[in-house]
Amino acid sequence: MPKPTFATLTPPNNRTFLRVHSSSSASPLRWTGDPATSGFSALNTNLALLTPTAYTAAMERSHPDPLPWTGWDIGLHTAHSVLDHLIRRAVPLVPGVHAADDASPWISTTSNPTWAVWEIARRLSPPPVPVHAFVVAAPAAEELVELAVIVPTVEAHLDPLPVVRSLWRDRGDGDGGKRTGNQRSALQHAEFGARACDETLFYGRVFAQSIIANYEFTREVGSRGDIPIDLPEHFFRHPLRAGDSWVDALVWRPDVHSFPQALDLLESNRRRVQQNQRQRVAATAVEQAVLRR
C-alpha cells in the first residue's frame, strides 16, 4: 500500500479532522476490543461511556436533526465549557454538582495538517522555555505521538470560534466593559489558540467507526521512509539521509519556534524549493537544446 501523502489529509470535502494524541493526552485513544466503546472519550464520564446507539438516541432527543451535527444551539453553561476547554482551565466545583458532570465534554481536533505536524514535532521535542497558553504542555519528550484521521459518522462537533465570539458579545465589550481583565485574557487566548490550529471540538465521543487511520510518529533516526506520512519537500532543510531524524531535519526548530514562526519558515523554504525546481527545469531545457544542435 502506498504511503499516504500530505495532500490526502486535506480532502476537498472538508469533512476530515485530525487529532494529535499520545498516551498522556487528556483523552487518549483506547481500543477495548469492542468498536462501540473504542475510540476517543471526553473527560465527562456521562458522555464518555456512551455507545454510538446510546449517543445518537441521547443527542437526537434534544435536537431533531440527524447526526452528525456541525453546530447546534448550546446554552450558556455549555458555551463556558467550550471556553474552559480551550484554555485548559479546571472548572471549579459547584455545590451539589458531581465533579464528573462538570468535566470537559469536548475532544479537540484540527483541520490543519501543517499545525498537526508542528504539534507532533513539538511533543517529540519539548521546548526549553514555557510555551504559549493555548499549547498543551508536555513536561518531557514523548517517545511516541500519534495522528488519528477522523471522518465523523454520528458525532456532534462544532467550530468553537463563534461560541467564543458570542461570549464576547454577551458580556464585557457590549455592556460597558464590565468584564474583568482575567476574563478578557481568557477569551483572547481561547480565540487565538482555536484560530491558530483551526480547531474543531467533538462532543463527548469520537467512535472507532469514525477513525479511518491512525499514524505513529517517533523521532527515531533513519530514512524518509520512516515517516508514516510523506511530507512535502519544503518541510525539510535538505533531503533526508540515512541516519537523519525527520524532526531534526525540519526547516523550523520544534523546541524553539511557535506555529506562526514555523509557517514563516515554511513559506520561505517553499519559495526556495520552487526557485530551485525552476532553475533545474531551465538547465535541463538548455542541455536538451545543446544536444539537438
C-alpha atoms as a PDB file:
ATOM      1  CA  MET A   1       0.000   0.000   0.000  1.00  0.00           C
ATOM      2  CA  PRO A   2       1.456   3.403  -0.945  1.00  0.00           C
ATOM      3  CA  LYS A   3       2.357   5.775   1.834  1.00  0.00           C
ATOM      4  CA  PRO A   4      -0.295   8.493   2.372  1.00  0.00           C
ATOM      5  CA  THR A   5       0.725  11.945   1.251  1.00  0.00           C
ATOM      6  CA  PHE A   6       0.262  15.268   2.961  1.00  0.00           C
ATOM      7  CA  ALA A   7      -2.413  16.144   0.405  1.00  0.00           C
ATOM      8  CA  THR A   8      -4.570  13.196   1.474  1.00  0.00           C
ATOM      9  CA  LEU A   9      -5.009  14.895   4.849  1.00  0.00           C
ATOM     10  CA  THR A  10      -6.701  17.885   3.210  1.00  0.00           C
ATOM     11  CA  PRO A  11      -9.543  16.450   1.105  1.00  0.00           C
ATOM     12  CA  PRO A  12     -11.759  18.867  -0.809  1.00  0.00           C
ATOM     13  CA  ASN A  13     -14.929  17.833   1.043  1.00  0.00           C
ATOM     14  CA  ASN A  14     -13.567  19.424   4.254  1.00  0.00           C
ATOM     15  CA  ARG A  15     -15.071  16.664   6.412  1.00  0.00           C
ATOM     16  CA  THR A  16     -11.821  15.151   7.614  1.00  0.00           C
ATOM     17  CA  PHE A  17     -10.400  16.089  11.000  1.00  0.00           C
ATOM     18  CA  LEU A  18      -7.090  15.248  12.657  1.00  0.00           C
ATOM     19  CA  ARG A  19      -6.325  14.558  16.299  1.00  0.00           C
ATOM     20  CA  VAL A  20      -2.776  14.608  17.641  1.00  0.00           C
ATOM     21  CA  HIS A  21      -2.666  12.340  20.666  1.00  0.00           C
ATOM     22  CA  SER A  22      -0.499  10.156  22.877  1.00  0.00           C
ATOM     23  CA  SER A  23      -0.811   8.019  25.980  1.00  0.00           C
ATOM     24  CA  SER A  24      -0.510  11.184  28.104  1.00  0.00           C
ATOM     25  CA  SER A  25      -3.364  13.015  26.359  1.00  0.00           C
ATOM     26  CA  ALA A  26      -6.394  14.023  28.407  1.00  0.00           C
ATOM     27  CA  SER A  27      -8.486  11.933  26.007  1.00  0.00           C
ATOM     28  CA  PRO A  28      -6.203   9.154  24.731  1.00  0.00           C
ATOM     29  CA  LEU A  29      -7.172   6.685  22.050  1.00  0.00           C
ATOM     30  CA  ARG A  30      -8.478   3.495  23.641  1.00  0.00           C
ATOM     31  CA  TRP A  31      -9.070   0.138  21.994  1.00  0.00           C
ATOM     32  CA  THR A  32     -11.256  -2.002  24.236  1.00  0.00           C
ATOM     33  CA  GLY A  33     -11.881  -4.856  21.825  1.00  0.00           C
ATOM     34  CA  ASP A  34     -15.406  -3.572  21.255  1.00  0.00           C
ATOM     35  CA  PRO A  35     -15.871  -0.990  18.465  1.00  0.00           C
ATOM     36  CA  ALA A  36     -18.813   0.542  20.345  1.00  0.00           C
ATOM     37  CA  THR A  37     -16.648   1.556  23.297  1.00  0.00           C
ATOM     38  CA  SER A  38     -13.333   2.126  21.479  1.00  0.00           C
ATOM     39  CA  GLY A  39     -12.094   5.487  20.223  1.00  0.00           C
ATOM     40  CA  PHE A  40     -11.702   8.831  21.987  1.00  0.00           C
ATOM     41  CA  SER A  41     -13.768   9.730  25.049  1.00  0.00           C
ATOM     42  CA  ALA A  42     -14.208  13.103  26.738  1.00  0.00           C
ATOM     43  CA  LEU A  43     -13.322  13.562  30.401  1.00  0.00           C
ATOM     44  CA  ASN A  44     -17.030  13.887  31.169  1.00  0.00           C
ATOM     45  CA  THR A  45     -17.875  10.289  32.038  1.00  0.00           C
ATOM     46  CA  ASN A  46     -21.597  10.813  31.435  1.00  0.00           C
ATOM     47  CA  LEU A  47     -20.712  11.121  27.743  1.00  0.00           C
ATOM     48  CA  ALA A  48     -17.567   9.003  27.665  1.00  0.00           C
ATOM     49  CA  LEU A  49     -19.432   5.754  28.343  1.00  0.00           C
ATOM     50  CA  LEU A  50     -21.986   6.157  25.558  1.00  0.00           C
ATOM     51  CA  THR A  51     -22.053   3.720  22.638  1.00  0.00           C
ATOM     52  CA  PRO A  52     -22.925   5.037  19.155  1.00  0.00           C
ATOM     53  CA  THR A  53     -26.534   3.881  19.574  1.00  0.00           C
ATOM     54  CA  ALA A  54     -26.931   5.451  23.016  1.00  0.00           C
ATOM     55  CA  TYR A  55     -25.148   8.617  21.882  1.00  0.00           C
ATOM     56  CA  THR A  56     -27.440   9.048  18.888  1.00  0.00           C
ATOM     57  CA  ALA A  57     -30.560   8.481  20.970  1.00  0.00           C
ATOM     58  CA  ALA A  58     -29.452  10.921  23.683  1.00  0.00           C
ATOM     59  CA  MET A  59     -28.461  13.676  21.266  1.00  0.00           C
ATOM     60  CA  GLU A  60     -31.469  13.418  18.982  1.00  0.00           C
ATOM     61  CA  ARG A  61     -33.841  13.697  21.941  1.00  0.00           C
ATOM     62  CA  SER A  62     -32.642  17.284  22.316  1.00  0.00           C
ATOM     63  CA  HIS A  63     -32.406  18.138  18.617  1.00  0.00           C
ATOM     64  CA  PRO A  64     -34.494  16.758  15.743  1.00  0.00           C
ATOM     65  CA  ASP A  65     -31.854  16.949  13.015  1.00  0.00           C
ATOM     66  CA  PRO A  66     -29.997  13.736  12.135  1.00  0.00           C
ATOM     67  CA  LEU A  67     -26.411  13.368  13.303  1.00  0.00           C
ATOM     68  CA  PRO A  68     -23.626  14.255  12.800  1.00  0.00           C
ATOM     69  CA  TRP A  69     -24.259  17.909  13.563  1.00  0.00           C
ATOM     70  CA  THR A  70     -21.700  20.519  12.593  1.00  0.00           C
ATOM     71  CA  GLY A  71     -23.090  23.052  15.051  1.00  0.00           C
ATOM     72  CA  TRP A  72     -26.162  23.494  17.192  1.00  0.00           C
ATOM     73  CA  ASP A  73     -27.697  25.843  19.730  1.00  0.00           C
ATOM     74  CA  ILE A  74     -25.905  25.444  23.047  1.00  0.00           C
ATOM     75  CA  GLY A  75     -26.714  27.057  26.359  1.00  0.00           C
ATOM     76  CA  LEU A  76     -24.529  29.397  28.363  1.00  0.00           C
ATOM     77  CA  HIS A  77     -23.167  26.628  30.600  1.00  0.00           C
ATOM     78  CA  THR A  78     -22.057  24.574  27.587  1.00  0.00           C
ATOM     79  CA  ALA A  79     -20.614  27.695  25.947  1.00  0.00           C
ATOM     80  CA  HIS A  80     -18.479  28.292  29.021  1.00  0.00           C
ATOM     81  CA  SER A  81     -17.369  24.658  28.923  1.00  0.00           C
ATOM     82  CA  VAL A  82     -16.019  25.414  25.427  1.00  0.00           C
ATOM     83  CA  LEU A  83     -14.027  28.341  26.822  1.00  0.00           C
ATOM     84  CA  ASP A  84     -12.741  26.295  29.753  1.00  0.00           C
ATOM     85  CA  HIS A  85     -11.651  23.523  27.393  1.00  0.00           C
ATOM     86  CA  LEU A  86      -9.846  25.878  25.013  1.00  0.00           C
ATOM     87  CA  ILE A  87      -7.767  27.439  27.774  1.00  0.00           C
ATOM     88  CA  ARG A  88      -7.337  24.123  29.631  1.00  0.00           C
ATOM     89  CA  ARG A  89      -8.917  25.597  32.762  1.00  0.00           C
ATOM     90  CA  ALA A  90     -10.180  23.329  35.518  1.00  0.00           C
ATOM     91  CA  VAL A  91     -13.824  24.032  36.324  1.00  0.00           C
ATOM     92  CA  PRO A  92     -14.452  24.963  39.984  1.00  0.00           C
ATOM     93  CA  LEU A  93     -16.801  22.535  41.683  1.00  0.00           C
ATOM     94  CA  VAL A  94     -20.351  23.757  42.158  1.00  0.00           C
ATOM     95  CA  PRO A  95     -22.108  22.679  45.390  1.00  0.00           C
ATOM     96  CA  GLY A  96     -24.473  19.819  44.650  1.00  0.00           C
ATOM     97  CA  VAL A  97     -22.926  19.083  41.236  1.00  0.00           C
ATOM     98  CA  HIS A  98     -20.839  15.931  40.831  1.00  0.00           C
ATOM     99  CA  ALA A  99     -17.318  16.534  39.531  1.00  0.00           C
ATOM    100  CA  ALA A 100     -17.916  14.252  36.528  1.00  0.00           C
ATOM    101  CA  ASP A 101     -20.810  16.427  35.398  1.00  0.00           C
ATOM    102  CA  ASP A 102     -18.567  19.471  35.056  1.00  0.00           C
ATOM    103  CA  ALA A 103     -15.586  17.704  33.468  1.00  0.00           C
ATOM    104  CA  SER A 104     -14.923  18.770  29.892  1.00  0.00           C
ATOM    105  CA  PRO A 105     -17.329  17.221  27.368  1.00  0.00           C
ATOM    106  CA  TRP A 106     -15.052  18.198  24.462  1.00  0.00           C
ATOM    107  CA  ILE A 107     -12.383  16.455  22.392  1.00  0.00           C
ATOM    108  CA  SER A 108     -10.040  18.675  20.362  1.00  0.00           C
ATOM    109  CA  THR A 109      -9.238  18.118  16.696  1.00  0.00           C
ATOM    110  CA  THR A 110      -7.740  20.212  13.919  1.00  0.00           C
ATOM    111  CA  SER A 111      -8.422  20.579  10.216  1.00  0.00           C
ATOM    112  CA  ASN A 112      -4.924  21.970   9.607  1.00  0.00           C
ATOM    113  CA  PRO A 113      -2.372  19.233   8.778  1.00  0.00           C
ATOM    114  CA  THR A 114       0.527  21.693   8.980  1.00  0.00           C
ATOM    115  CA  TRP A 115      -0.395  22.508  12.570  1.00  0.00           C
ATOM    116  CA  ALA A 116      -0.714  18.775  13.268  1.00  0.00           C
ATOM    117  CA  VAL A 117       2.856  18.136  12.049  1.00  0.00           C
ATOM    118  CA  TRP A 118       4.117  21.125  14.065  1.00  0.00           C
ATOM    119  CA  GLU A 119       2.385  19.810  17.197  1.00  0.00           C
ATOM    120  CA  ILE A 120       3.684  16.263  16.688  1.00  0.00           C
ATOM    121  CA  ALA A 121       7.253  17.538  16.323  1.00  0.00           C
ATOM    122  CA  ARG A 122       6.802  19.814  19.353  1.00  0.00           C
ATOM    123  CA  ARG A 123       5.657  16.940  21.543  1.00  0.00           C
ATOM    124  CA  LEU A 124       8.594  14.841  20.414  1.00  0.00           C
ATOM    125  CA  SER A 125      10.902  17.786  21.246  1.00  0.00           C
ATOM    126  CA  PRO A 126       9.584  19.670  24.308  1.00  0.00           C
ATOM    127  CA  PRO A 127      10.617  23.333  24.399  1.00  0.00           C
ATOM    128  CA  PRO A 128      13.289  24.516  26.819  1.00  0.00           C
ATOM    129  CA  VAL A 129      11.127  27.527  27.709  1.00  0.00           C
ATOM    130  CA  PRO A 130       7.410  27.878  28.563  1.00  0.00           C
ATOM    131  CA  VAL A 131       5.102  27.728  25.553  1.00  0.00           C
ATOM    132  CA  HIS A 132       2.014  29.799  24.801  1.00  0.00           C
ATOM    133  CA  ALA A 133      -1.017  29.135  26.967  1.00  0.00           C
ATOM    134  CA  PHE A 134      -3.003  27.592  24.119  1.00  0.00           C
ATOM    135  CA  VAL A 135      -0.489  24.784  23.590  1.00  0.00           C
ATOM    136  CA  VAL A 136      -0.860  21.609  25.617  1.00  0.00           C
ATOM    137  CA  ALA A 137       2.192  21.493  27.888  1.00  0.00           C
ATOM    138  CA  ALA A 138       4.448  18.434  27.762  1.00  0.00           C
ATOM    139  CA  PRO A 139       6.853  18.110  30.733  1.00  0.00           C
ATOM    140  CA  ALA A 140       9.194  15.724  28.908  1.00  0.00           C
ATOM    141  CA  ALA A 141       9.797  14.478  25.402  1.00  0.00           C
ATOM    142  CA  GLU A 142       7.251  11.899  24.343  1.00  0.00           C
ATOM    143  CA  GLU A 143       8.631   8.834  22.610  1.00  0.00           C
ATOM    144  CA  LEU A 144       5.507   8.171  20.535  1.00  0.00           C
ATOM    145  CA  VAL A 145       2.933  10.647  19.225  1.00  0.00           C
ATOM    146  CA  GLU A 146       0.047   9.563  17.038  1.00  0.00           C
ATOM    147  CA  LEU A 147      -2.199  11.207  14.463  1.00  0.00           C
ATOM    148  CA  ALA A 148      -5.776   9.993  14.060  1.00  0.00           C
ATOM    149  CA  VAL A 149      -7.688  10.777  10.866  1.00  0.00           C
ATOM    150  CA  ILE A 150     -11.379  11.227  11.622  1.00  0.00           C
ATOM    151  CA  VAL A 151     -14.431  11.328   9.375  1.00  0.00           C
ATOM    152  CA  PRO A 152     -17.406  11.812  11.714  1.00  0.00           C
ATOM    153  CA  THR A 153     -20.287   9.374  11.445  1.00  0.00           C
ATOM    154  CA  VAL A 154     -22.659  10.335  14.268  1.00  0.00           C
ATOM    155  CA  GLU A 155     -20.568  12.651  16.449  1.00  0.00           C
ATOM    156  CA  ALA A 156     -21.739  16.213  17.040  1.00  0.00           C
ATOM    157  CA  HIS A 157     -18.922  18.707  16.502  1.00  0.00           C
ATOM    158  CA  LEU A 158     -18.575  22.457  16.255  1.00  0.00           C
ATOM    159  CA  ASP A 159     -16.292  25.352  15.395  1.00  0.00           C
ATOM    160  CA  PRO A 160     -15.501  26.972  18.769  1.00  0.00           C
ATOM    161  CA  LEU A 161     -14.785  30.447  17.372  1.00  0.00           C
ATOM    162  CA  PRO A 162     -18.458  31.536  17.050  1.00  0.00           C
ATOM    163  CA  VAL A 163     -19.020  30.340  20.623  1.00  0.00           C
ATOM    164  CA  VAL A 164     -16.119  32.407  21.959  1.00  0.00           C
ATOM    165  CA  ARG A 165     -17.271  35.440  19.986  1.00  0.00           C
ATOM    166  CA  SER A 166     -20.790  35.071  21.376  1.00  0.00           C
ATOM    167  CA  LEU A 167     -19.346  35.187  24.898  1.00  0.00           C
ATOM    168  CA  TRP A 168     -17.592  38.442  23.950  1.00  0.00           C
ATOM    169  CA  ARG A 169     -20.926  39.886  22.846  1.00  0.00           C
ATOM    170  CA  ASP A 170     -22.940  38.665  25.819  1.00  0.00           C
ATOM    171  CA  ARG A 171     -20.805  40.370  28.450  1.00  0.00           C
ATOM    172  CA  GLY A 172     -17.877  42.738  28.600  1.00  0.00           C
ATOM    173  CA  ASP A 173     -17.359  44.842  25.483  1.00  0.00           C
ATOM    174  CA  GLY A 174     -21.110  45.073  24.880  1.00  0.00           C
ATOM    175  CA  ASP A 175     -22.084  46.208  28.366  1.00  0.00           C
ATOM    176  CA  GLY A 176     -19.632  48.964  29.093  1.00  0.00           C
ATOM    177  CA  GLY A 177     -16.585  46.776  29.603  1.00  0.00           C
ATOM    178  CA  LYS A 178     -17.653  45.096  32.852  1.00  0.00           C
ATOM    179  CA  ARG A 179     -15.616  42.012  32.067  1.00  0.00           C
ATOM    180  CA  THR A 180     -12.526  41.619  34.220  1.00  0.00           C
ATOM    181  CA  GLY A 181      -9.022  41.613  32.825  1.00  0.00           C
ATOM    182  CA  ASN A 182      -8.706  37.874  33.506  1.00  0.00           C
ATOM    183  CA  GLN A 183     -11.932  37.192  31.614  1.00  0.00           C
ATOM    184  CA  ARG A 184     -10.790  39.233  28.626  1.00  0.00           C
ATOM    185  CA  SER A 185      -7.423  37.485  28.658  1.00  0.00           C
ATOM    186  CA  ALA A 186      -9.105  34.064  28.749  1.00  0.00           C
ATOM    187  CA  LEU A 187     -11.288  34.904  25.758  1.00  0.00           C
ATOM    188  CA  GLN A 188      -8.344  36.306  23.810  1.00  0.00           C
ATOM    189  CA  HIS A 189      -6.229  33.194  24.474  1.00  0.00           C
ATOM    190  CA  ALA A 190      -9.121  30.913  23.546  1.00  0.00           C
ATOM    191  CA  GLU A 191      -9.831  32.706  20.275  1.00  0.00           C
ATOM    192  CA  PHE A 192      -6.159  32.973  19.317  1.00  0.00           C
ATOM    193  CA  GLY A 193      -5.469  29.310  20.009  1.00  0.00           C
ATOM    194  CA  ALA A 194      -8.579  27.966  18.275  1.00  0.00           C
ATOM    195  CA  ARG A 195      -7.904  30.080  15.189  1.00  0.00           C
ATOM    196  CA  ALA A 196      -4.196  29.184  15.063  1.00  0.00           C
ATOM    197  CA  CYS A 197      -4.840  25.443  14.855  1.00  0.00           C
ATOM    198  CA  ASP A 198      -8.203  25.543  13.008  1.00  0.00           C
ATOM    199  CA  GLU A 199      -9.725  23.732  15.961  1.00  0.00           C
ATOM    200  CA  THR A 200     -12.947  21.748  15.870  1.00  0.00           C
ATOM    201  CA  LEU A 201     -14.439  20.310  19.063  1.00  0.00           C
ATOM    202  CA  PHE A 202     -16.198  16.949  19.175  1.00  0.00           C
ATOM    203  CA  TYR A 203     -18.876  16.478  21.801  1.00  0.00           C
ATOM    204  CA  GLY A 204     -18.374  13.525  24.114  1.00  0.00           C
ATOM    205  CA  ARG A 205     -17.025  10.828  21.813  1.00  0.00           C
ATOM    206  CA  VAL A 206     -15.119  10.051  18.655  1.00  0.00           C
ATOM    207  CA  PHE A 207     -16.100   6.476  17.901  1.00  0.00           C
ATOM    208  CA  ALA A 208     -13.809   3.836  16.416  1.00  0.00           C
ATOM    209  CA  GLN A 209     -16.050   3.675  13.351  1.00  0.00           C
ATOM    210  CA  SER A 210     -15.123   7.304  12.596  1.00  0.00           C
ATOM    211  CA  ILE A 211     -11.340   6.795  12.806  1.00  0.00           C
ATOM    212  CA  ILE A 212     -10.235   5.859   9.299  1.00  0.00           C
ATOM    213  CA  ALA A 213      -6.481   5.843  10.021  1.00  0.00           C
ATOM    214  CA  ASN A 214      -4.028   6.284  12.872  1.00  0.00           C
ATOM    215  CA  TYR A 215      -0.332   7.024  12.245  1.00  0.00           C
ATOM    216  CA  GLU A 216       2.536   6.657  14.711  1.00  0.00           C
ATOM    217  CA  PHE A 217       5.409   9.147  14.830  1.00  0.00           C
ATOM    218  CA  THR A 218       8.722   8.899  16.659  1.00  0.00           C
ATOM    219  CA  ARG A 219      11.904  10.918  16.285  1.00  0.00           C
ATOM    220  CA  GLU A 220      13.985   7.836  15.529  1.00  0.00           C
ATOM    221  CA  VAL A 221      16.804   8.309  13.039  1.00  0.00           C
ATOM    222  CA  GLY A 222      16.518   6.591   9.705  1.00  0.00           C
ATOM    223  CA  SER A 223      15.373   7.419   6.220  1.00  0.00           C
ATOM    224  CA  ARG A 224      12.481   9.471   4.944  1.00  0.00           C
ATOM    225  CA  GLY A 225      10.629   6.193   4.595  1.00  0.00           C
ATOM    226  CA  ASP A 226      10.386   6.004   8.384  1.00  0.00           C
ATOM    227  CA  ILE A 227       7.807   8.817   8.434  1.00  0.00           C
ATOM    228  CA  PRO A 228       4.290   7.382   8.147  1.00  0.00           C
ATOM    229  CA  ILE A 229       3.132  10.318   6.001  1.00  0.00           C
ATOM    230  CA  ASP A 230       5.109  11.626   3.035  1.00  0.00           C
ATOM    231  CA  LEU A 231       5.730  15.283   3.916  1.00  0.00           C
ATOM    232  CA  PRO A 232       6.401  17.906   1.221  1.00  0.00           C
ATOM    233  CA  GLU A 233       9.984  18.722   0.324  1.00  0.00           C
ATOM    234  CA  HIS A 234       9.788  22.264   1.689  1.00  0.00           C
ATOM    235  CA  PHE A 235       9.200  20.943   5.224  1.00  0.00           C
ATOM    236  CA  PHE A 236      12.884  19.988   5.382  1.00  0.00           C
ATOM    237  CA  ARG A 237      16.134  21.933   5.220  1.00  0.00           C
ATOM    238  CA  HIS A 238      17.592  19.227   2.971  1.00  0.00           C
ATOM    239  CA  PRO A 239      16.550  15.798   1.680  1.00  0.00           C
ATOM    240  CA  LEU A 240      16.589  13.248   4.479  1.00  0.00           C
ATOM    241  CA  ARG A 241      19.570  10.939   4.540  1.00  0.00           C
ATOM    242  CA  ALA A 242      20.193   7.663   6.332  1.00  0.00           C
ATOM    243  CA  GLY A 243      20.843   8.449   9.976  1.00  0.00           C
ATOM    244  CA  ASP A 244      18.735  11.624   9.965  1.00  0.00           C
ATOM    245  CA  SER A 245      15.903  12.249  12.378  1.00  0.00           C
ATOM    246  CA  TRP A 246      12.981  13.777  10.494  1.00  0.00           C
ATOM    247  CA  VAL A 247      12.295  16.054  13.473  1.00  0.00           C
ATOM    248  CA  ASP A 248      15.826  17.469  13.458  1.00  0.00           C
ATOM    249  CA  ALA A 249      15.722  17.989   9.681  1.00  0.00           C
ATOM    250  CA  LEU A 250      12.608  20.193   9.738  1.00  0.00           C
ATOM    251  CA  VAL A 251      13.009  23.721   8.475  1.00  0.00           C
ATOM    252  CA  TRP A 252      11.929  25.046  11.884  1.00  0.00           C
ATOM    253  CA  ARG A 253      13.176  24.206  15.378  1.00  0.00           C
ATOM    254  CA  PRO A 254      10.362  22.307  17.150  1.00  0.00           C
ATOM    255  CA  ASP A 255      11.853  23.138  20.550  1.00  0.00           C
ATOM    256  CA  VAL A 256      12.026  26.870  19.810  1.00  0.00           C
ATOM    257  CA  HIS A 257       9.672  28.112  17.100  1.00  0.00           C
ATOM    258  CA  SER A 258       5.996  28.889  17.601  1.00  0.00           C
ATOM    259  CA  PHE A 259       3.500  27.833  14.959  1.00  0.00           C
ATOM    260  CA  PRO A 260       3.376  31.299  13.303  1.00  0.00           C
ATOM    261  CA  GLN A 261       7.184  31.309  13.161  1.00  0.00           C
ATOM    262  CA  ALA A 262       7.181  27.825  11.654  1.00  0.00           C
ATOM    263  CA  LEU A 263       4.711  28.985   8.991  1.00  0.00           C
ATOM    264  CA  ASP A 264       7.019  31.855   8.032  1.00  0.00           C
ATOM    265  CA  LEU A 265       9.985  29.493   7.712  1.00  0.00           C
ATOM    266  CA  LEU A 266       7.919  27.013   5.690  1.00  0.00           C
ATOM    267  CA  GLU A 267       6.804  29.702   3.261  1.00  0.00           C
ATOM    268  CA  SER A 268      10.364  30.962   2.816  1.00  0.00           C
ATOM    269  CA  ASN A 269      11.626  27.437   2.187  1.00  0.00           C
ATOM    270  CA  ARG A 270       8.744  26.696  -0.177  1.00  0.00           C
ATOM    271  CA  ARG A 271       9.786  29.649  -2.341  1.00  0.00           C
ATOM    272  CA  ARG A 272      13.409  28.471  -2.257  1.00  0.00           C
ATOM    273  CA  VAL A 273      12.407  24.941  -3.315  1.00  0.00           C
ATOM    274  CA  GLN A 274      10.253  26.287  -6.140  1.00  0.00           C
ATOM    275  CA  GLN A 275      13.079  28.513  -7.359  1.00  0.00           C
ATOM    276  CA  ASN A 276      15.485  25.565  -7.357  1.00  0.00           C
ATOM    277  CA  GLN A 277      12.975  23.488  -9.300  1.00  0.00           C
ATOM    278  CA  ARG A 278      12.585  26.228 -11.922  1.00  0.00           C
ATOM    279  CA  GLN A 279      16.359  26.502 -12.242  1.00  0.00           C
ATOM    280  CA  ARG A 280      16.669  22.743 -12.731  1.00  0.00           C
ATOM    281  CA  VAL A 281      13.968  22.792 -15.406  1.00  0.00           C
ATOM    282  CA  ALA A 282      15.696  25.674 -17.184  1.00  0.00           C
ATOM    283  CA  ALA A 283      19.080  23.940 -17.026  1.00  0.00           C
ATOM    284  CA  THR A 284      17.575  20.746 -18.431  1.00  0.00           C
ATOM    285  CA  ALA A 285      15.993  22.689 -21.289  1.00  0.00           C
ATOM    286  CA  VAL A 286      19.342  24.281 -22.150  1.00  0.00           C
ATOM    287  CA  GLU A 287      21.087  20.891 -22.127  1.00  0.00           C
ATOM    288  CA  GLN A 288      18.459  19.409 -24.431  1.00  0.00           C
ATOM    289  CA  ALA A 289      18.734  22.366 -26.801  1.00  0.00           C
ATOM    290  CA  VAL A 290      22.513  21.908 -26.990  1.00  0.00           C
ATOM    291  CA  LEU A 291      22.134  18.194 -27.719  1.00  0.00           C
ATOM    292  CA  ARG A 292      19.700  18.893 -30.559  1.00  0.00           C
ATOM    293  CA  ARG A 293      22.209  21.097 -32.379  1.00  0.00           C
END
